[in-house]
Amino acid sequence: MAEALARHLAPDVIAPSSAGLSPLGYIADPTRMVLLERGVSIEGQFSKGLHDDSIPQPPALVINMSGRSLNSHFTGTPVDDWNVEDPFGDDVATYRRICDDIEARVRDLAARLRANPESTASRRRSPKNEPASP
């Protein structure tokens, strides 16, 4: 959800690439449905792990929504921890609520980046070097 929302809401300051510690291997149907309801595309997105070749290295900023420490994975990269509930296996109402939460956080991050254009994370990068935020 976070990658799709960031692409949709803040392409001027966020070049997202999403990955998980334990990826499912697919995007859950309720995730697709909730994003589609909002007019948010997931085209080109797929479930991937942190070490997938499509993940740019090093990222400018990491948004950690896992609830676990990522310090050993991203030495020297700023990490912003977001305490976001995992909706997997829950009802669609839960997916919508969590999507609202993530959307608010993405909007806040984008506003902070726009307010500080010199920020490392706000610099647009070539697709090969996109930050891994959200």
C-alpha atoms as a PDB file:
ATOM      1  CA  MET A   1       0.000   0.000   0.000  1.00  0.00           C
ATOM      2  CA  ALA A   2       2.709   2.461   0.979  1.00  0.00           C
ATOM      3  CA  GLU A   3       4.593   2.210  -2.305  1.00  0.00           C
ATOM      4  CA  ALA A   4       1.439   2.689  -4.367  1.00  0.00           C
ATOM      5  CA  LEU A   5       0.247   5.592  -2.232  1.00  0.00           C
ATOM      6  CA  ALA A   6       3.660   7.303  -2.388  1.00  0.00           C
ATOM      7  CA  ARG A   7       3.767   6.925  -6.175  1.00  0.00           C
ATOM      8  CA  HIS A   8       0.252   8.345  -6.408  1.00  0.00           C
ATOM      9  CA  LEU A   9       0.497  11.178  -3.863  1.00  0.00           C
ATOM     10  CA  ALA A  10       4.100  12.349  -3.969  1.00  0.00           C
ATOM     11  CA  PRO A  11       5.988  11.424  -7.142  1.00  0.00           C
ATOM     12  CA  ASP A  12       7.700  14.822  -6.997  1.00  0.00           C
ATOM     13  CA  VAL A  13       9.554  13.996  -3.755  1.00  0.00           C
ATOM     14  CA  ILE A  14       9.328  10.235  -3.226  1.00  0.00           C
ATOM     15  CA  ALA A  15      10.608   7.539  -5.581  1.00  0.00           C
ATOM     16  CA  PRO A  16       9.395   4.512  -3.620  1.00  0.00           C
ATOM     17  CA  SER A  17      10.530   0.935  -3.822  1.00  0.00           C
ATOM     18  CA  SER A  18       8.846  -1.385  -1.365  1.00  0.00           C
ATOM     19  CA  ALA A  19      10.236  -4.616   0.077  1.00  0.00           C
ATOM     20  CA  GLY A  20       9.534  -6.877   3.014  1.00  0.00           C
ATOM     21  CA  LEU A  21      11.462  -8.914   5.532  1.00  0.00           C
ATOM     22  CA  SER A  22       9.210 -11.893   4.774  1.00  0.00           C
ATOM     23  CA  PRO A  23       7.433 -11.140   1.485  1.00  0.00           C
ATOM     24  CA  LEU A  24       4.204 -12.990   0.691  1.00  0.00           C
ATOM     25  CA  GLY A  25       5.108 -13.511  -2.948  1.00  0.00           C
ATOM     26  CA  TYR A  26       1.944 -11.749  -4.122  1.00  0.00           C
ATOM     27  CA  ILE A  27      -0.101  -8.622  -3.430  1.00  0.00           C
ATOM     28  CA  ALA A  28      -3.156  -9.521  -1.354  1.00  0.00           C
ATOM     29  CA  ASP A  29      -6.519  -9.078  -3.089  1.00  0.00           C
ATOM     30  CA  PRO A  30      -7.927  -6.755  -0.374  1.00  0.00           C
ATOM     31  CA  THR A  31      -4.900  -4.489  -0.854  1.00  0.00           C
ATOM     32  CA  ARG A  32      -5.608  -4.329  -4.586  1.00  0.00           C
ATOM     33  CA  MET A  33      -9.287  -3.645  -3.950  1.00  0.00           C
ATOM     34  CA  VAL A  34      -8.769  -0.868  -1.389  1.00  0.00           C
ATOM     35  CA  LEU A  35      -6.216   0.915  -3.559  1.00  0.00           C
ATOM     36  CA  LEU A  36      -8.418   0.560  -6.652  1.00  0.00           C
ATOM     37  CA  GLU A  37     -11.313   2.121  -4.692  1.00  0.00           C
ATOM     38  CA  ARG A  38      -9.082   5.166  -4.196  1.00  0.00           C
ATOM     39  CA  GLY A  39      -7.955   5.300  -7.808  1.00  0.00           C
ATOM     40  CA  VAL A  40      -4.417   4.255  -6.865  1.00  0.00           C
ATOM     41  CA  SER A  41      -2.561   2.036  -9.328  1.00  0.00           C
ATOM     42  CA  ILE A  42      -0.302  -0.854  -8.320  1.00  0.00           C
ATOM     43  CA  GLU A  43       0.933  -1.357 -11.867  1.00  0.00           C
ATOM     44  CA  GLY A  44       4.502  -2.608 -11.876  1.00  0.00           C
ATOM     45  CA  GLN A  45       4.502  -3.494  -8.193  1.00  0.00           C
ATOM     46  CA  PHE A  46       5.272  -6.992  -6.961  1.00  0.00           C
ATOM     47  CA  SER A  47       6.054  -8.684  -3.679  1.00  0.00           C
ATOM     48  CA  LYS A  48       9.806  -8.714  -3.022  1.00  0.00           C
ATOM     49  CA  GLY A  49      12.350  -9.069  -0.255  1.00  0.00           C
ATOM     50  CA  LEU A  50      14.985  -6.591   0.916  1.00  0.00           C
ATOM     51  CA  HIS A  51      17.701  -8.163  -1.175  1.00  0.00           C
ATOM     52  CA  ASP A  52      15.801  -8.240  -4.472  1.00  0.00           C
ATOM     53  CA  ASP A  53      17.873  -6.873  -7.370  1.00  0.00           C
ATOM     54  CA  SER A  54      15.171  -4.293  -8.123  1.00  0.00           C
ATOM     55  CA  ILE A  55      15.728  -2.553  -4.774  1.00  0.00           C
ATOM     56  CA  PRO A  56      18.072   0.412  -5.245  1.00  0.00           C
ATOM     57  CA  GLN A  57      21.160   0.453  -3.057  1.00  0.00           C
ATOM     58  CA  PRO A  58      21.816   2.375  -1.004  1.00  0.00           C
ATOM     59  CA  PRO A  59      18.412   3.903  -0.380  1.00  0.00           C
ATOM     60  CA  ALA A  60      18.249   7.557   0.688  1.00  0.00           C
ATOM     61  CA  LEU A  61      15.652   6.790   3.357  1.00  0.00           C
ATOM     62  CA  VAL A  62      14.047   3.624   4.684  1.00  0.00           C
ATOM     63  CA  ILE A  63      10.516   3.605   6.045  1.00  0.00           C
ATOM     64  CA  ASN A  64      10.275   0.625   8.366  1.00  0.00           C
ATOM     65  CA  MET A  65       6.764  -0.717   8.868  1.00  0.00           C
ATOM     66  CA  SER A  66       7.856  -4.163  10.057  1.00  0.00           C
ATOM     67  CA  GLY A  67       7.943  -3.430  13.779  1.00  0.00           C
ATOM     68  CA  ARG A  68      11.435  -4.967  13.861  1.00  0.00           C
ATOM     69  CA  SER A  69      14.833  -3.288  13.868  1.00  0.00           C
ATOM     70  CA  LEU A  70      16.388  -2.774  10.439  1.00  0.00           C
ATOM     71  CA  ASN A  71      19.678  -1.294  11.645  1.00  0.00           C
ATOM     72  CA  SER A  72      21.700  -4.303  10.524  1.00  0.00           C
ATOM     73  CA  HIS A  73      20.161  -4.160   7.032  1.00  0.00           C
ATOM     74  CA  PHE A  74      20.764  -0.486   6.250  1.00  0.00           C
ATOM     75  CA  THR A  75      23.958   0.788   7.863  1.00  0.00           C
ATOM     76  CA  GLY A  76      24.317   4.545   7.477  1.00  0.00           C
ATOM     77  CA  THR A  77      20.852   5.003   5.944  1.00  0.00           C
ATOM     78  CA  PRO A  78      18.252   6.995   7.879  1.00  0.00           C
ATOM     79  CA  VAL A  79      15.376   4.784   9.052  1.00  0.00           C
ATOM     80  CA  ASP A  80      11.952   6.174   9.920  1.00  0.00           C
ATOM     81  CA  ASP A  81       9.907   3.662  11.939  1.00  0.00           C
ATOM     82  CA  TRP A  82       6.169   3.733  11.316  1.00  0.00           C
ATOM     83  CA  ASN A  83       4.049   1.697  13.709  1.00  0.00           C
ATOM     84  CA  VAL A  84       1.539   0.380  11.174  1.00  0.00           C
ATOM     85  CA  GLU A  85      -0.687  -2.628  11.774  1.00  0.00           C
ATOM     86  CA  ASP A  86      -0.421  -5.487   9.266  1.00  0.00           C
ATOM     87  CA  PRO A  87      -3.917  -6.094   7.844  1.00  0.00           C
ATOM     88  CA  PHE A  88      -3.109  -9.452   6.220  1.00  0.00           C
ATOM     89  CA  GLY A  89      -5.899 -11.949   6.818  1.00  0.00           C
ATOM     90  CA  ASP A  90      -8.279  -9.378   8.260  1.00  0.00           C
ATOM     91  CA  ASP A  91     -11.474  -7.938   6.787  1.00  0.00           C
ATOM     92  CA  VAL A  92     -11.669  -5.230   4.126  1.00  0.00           C
ATOM     93  CA  ALA A  93     -12.668  -2.601   6.705  1.00  0.00           C
ATOM     94  CA  THR A  94      -9.329  -3.182   8.433  1.00  0.00           C
ATOM     95  CA  TYR A  95      -7.478  -2.787   5.129  1.00  0.00           C
ATOM     96  CA  ARG A  96      -9.311   0.504   4.543  1.00  0.00           C
ATOM     97  CA  ARG A  97      -8.470   1.778   8.043  1.00  0.00           C
ATOM     98  CA  ILE A  98      -4.808   0.872   7.658  1.00  0.00           C
ATOM     99  CA  CYS A  99      -4.725   2.400   4.184  1.00  0.00           C
ATOM    100  CA  ASP A 100      -6.057   5.632   5.723  1.00  0.00           C
ATOM    101  CA  ASP A 101      -3.238   5.496   8.292  1.00  0.00           C
ATOM    102  CA  ILE A 102      -0.555   4.879   5.670  1.00  0.00           C
ATOM    103  CA  GLU A 103      -1.963   7.590   3.414  1.00  0.00           C
ATOM    104  CA  ALA A 104      -1.791  10.135   6.246  1.00  0.00           C
ATOM    105  CA  ARG A 105       1.817   9.143   6.974  1.00  0.00           C
ATOM    106  CA  VAL A 106       2.805   9.379   3.289  1.00  0.00           C
ATOM    107  CA  ARG A 107       1.177  12.815   3.040  1.00  0.00           C
ATOM    108  CA  ASP A 108       3.079  13.929   6.160  1.00  0.00           C
ATOM    109  CA  LEU A 109       6.395  12.591   4.827  1.00  0.00           C
ATOM    110  CA  ALA A 110       5.816  14.295   1.478  1.00  0.00           C
ATOM    111  CA  ALA A 111       5.037  17.603   3.205  1.00  0.00           C
ATOM    112  CA  ARG A 112       8.246  17.346   5.261  1.00  0.00           C
ATOM    113  CA  LEU A 113      10.292  16.571   2.148  1.00  0.00           C
ATOM    114  CA  ARG A 114       8.706  19.412   0.200  1.00  0.00           C
ATOM    115  CA  ALA A 115       9.432  21.797   3.085  1.00  0.00           C
ATOM    116  CA  ASN A 116      13.085  20.737   3.081  1.00  0.00           C
ATOM    117  CA  PRO A 117      14.084  20.395  -0.594  1.00  0.00           C
ATOM    118  CA  GLU A 118      17.748  19.900   0.366  1.00  0.00           C
ATOM    119  CA  SER A 119      16.870  16.686   2.183  1.00  0.00           C
ATOM    120  CA  THR A 120      18.642  13.633   0.789  1.00  0.00           C
ATOM    121  CA  ALA A 121      15.380  11.720   0.624  1.00  0.00           C
ATOM    122  CA  SER A 122      13.620  14.440  -1.335  1.00  0.00           C
ATOM    123  CA  ARG A 123      16.063  14.456  -4.249  1.00  0.00           C
ATOM    124  CA  ARG A 124      14.649  12.789  -7.318  1.00  0.00           C
ATOM    125  CA  ARG A 125      16.903   9.994  -8.408  1.00  0.00           C
ATOM    126  CA  SER A 126      17.284   7.981 -11.538  1.00  0.00           C
ATOM    127  CA  PRO A 127      15.309   4.690 -11.479  1.00  0.00           C
ATOM    128  CA  LYS A 128      18.549   2.848 -10.762  1.00  0.00           C
ATOM    129  CA  ASN A 129      19.080   4.834  -7.543  1.00  0.00           C
ATOM    130  CA  GLU A 130      15.598   5.436  -6.192  1.00  0.00           C
ATOM    131  CA  PRO A 131      15.226   5.627  -2.407  1.00  0.00           C
ATOM    132  CA  ALA A 132      13.459   2.726  -0.756  1.00  0.00           C
ATOM    133  CA  SER A 133      10.961   4.867   1.044  1.00  0.00           C
ATOM    134  CA  PRO A 134       7.913   3.728   1.859  1.00  0.00           C
END
